[in-house]
Amino acid sequence: MIKTRPIPGVVLLIAALLSLVLAGIQAFSHDAPSWAALAADAVLLAACFTAMSPTMAVWRWLTLMALLAIGAVVLASLTDEGLDGATLTALALLAGVSVQGLARLAGRHLPEGAVALLFGVWVLYFWQLLVTWFAIPQVLLPTPLDILQALFGSASLLAGDVVQTVLKSVLAGYLLGSGLGIAVAMLIDRLPFLQRGLLPLANLTSTIPLVGVAPIAVMWFGFDWPSKAAVIVLVTFFPALVSTLAGLRASGKLERELMYCYAASPRRTLWALRLPAALPFIFSALKVNATLALISAIVAEFFGSPTAGLGFRISTEAARMHMSIVWAAIVVASAIGSLVYALLVRLERKVNFWHPSVRGVS
């Protein structure tokens, strides 16, 4: 049994009144909805109030939500004019109720990602409904089904783009830029006089506009992936440098004095105390650089690339008005970025298991 906190009564009252007003207006207009649409409104509103029950078994709640979502689509498809305003309002209320109820189950009966998954499903659901209902041209905004069809239809093409952009440009530039930033930070920390010379230059690299560097990199390194990797190195170097430098100085004074009392060498102190203390900062930089590297590679490909790459695909298909393929490439890039970020988070929990922030999460 689960206990749910009801949605504030004012919200329910306003949503119900809005649905009734819309249904009344359309009932007396020339384009009055059929009885199927009115039945859909009544069923959806009744379901929302039923789902607000203080106690309801988990399986009953999930079954209710699934049946109502399917029933809403079936009832709406029976009408010739499609969805009306009352049905849309009732669906929106049902979405809020379902997400709120599932949020109270997450962590106890369901995985924590179930809430985000349900919310994403509702977003795609309303995206499909609204684009179809308002007859928005595909050039402006394709439907999720069109994007999914383009994703499967161009799977081999997008796979080659992923190899060119991610496995070549992003991987090389990310490793080189982040590695250089960490190494230079350790060098500056060991030789403080370098901070007055290298740190201002590193700060200067962070202010260079990406749009201005990309054409120059193409001129220097050619149209293939090395020019994009060079841009990524420039973008990812400064975050890794600054975060590592801050992490190396984050160790406590008592710990440093203890290492001094043990006559530990600077190298031993670095590996035993300062570098472990800097790992949370380093992982923060790595997570930021993971997204920056992918974005930089895609933008750099706008200024010249071989006949492959996610940025190349987006620019060429946008010029041809094939917006479904453009959105498919965006979905692929977003999925890869999210996957890499999730892997880094999991690796951080494994490496920094001793840190208080990680212990609190796990």
Foldseek 3Di string as FASTA:
>chain_A
DAFADADPPVVLVVLVVVLVVQLVVLCPDPNHWDVLQVVLLVLLNVLLVVLNPRDDDPVVNVVSLVVNVVSSVVSQVVIPLGHTPSNVSSLVSSLVSSLRVVCRPDPPPHDNCPSVVSNVVSVLVVQQRVCVNVVPDVLVPNHPVLLVVLCVVCVVQLVQQCCQQPVFQLVLLLCLLLVLLLVVLVVCVVPVVCCVPVVVVLVVLCPDDLLVQLLVLCVVPNQGRVSLSVSLSSNLNNQSNVLQNVQLPPFDPVVVVVCVVVVHDPVRCCVPTRVLSSVVSNLVSSLVSLLVSSVSSLSSVCNHHPCHHLNNQLVVVSVVSVVSNNVNSVVVSVVVSVVVSVVSVVVCCVSVVVDPVSVVVD
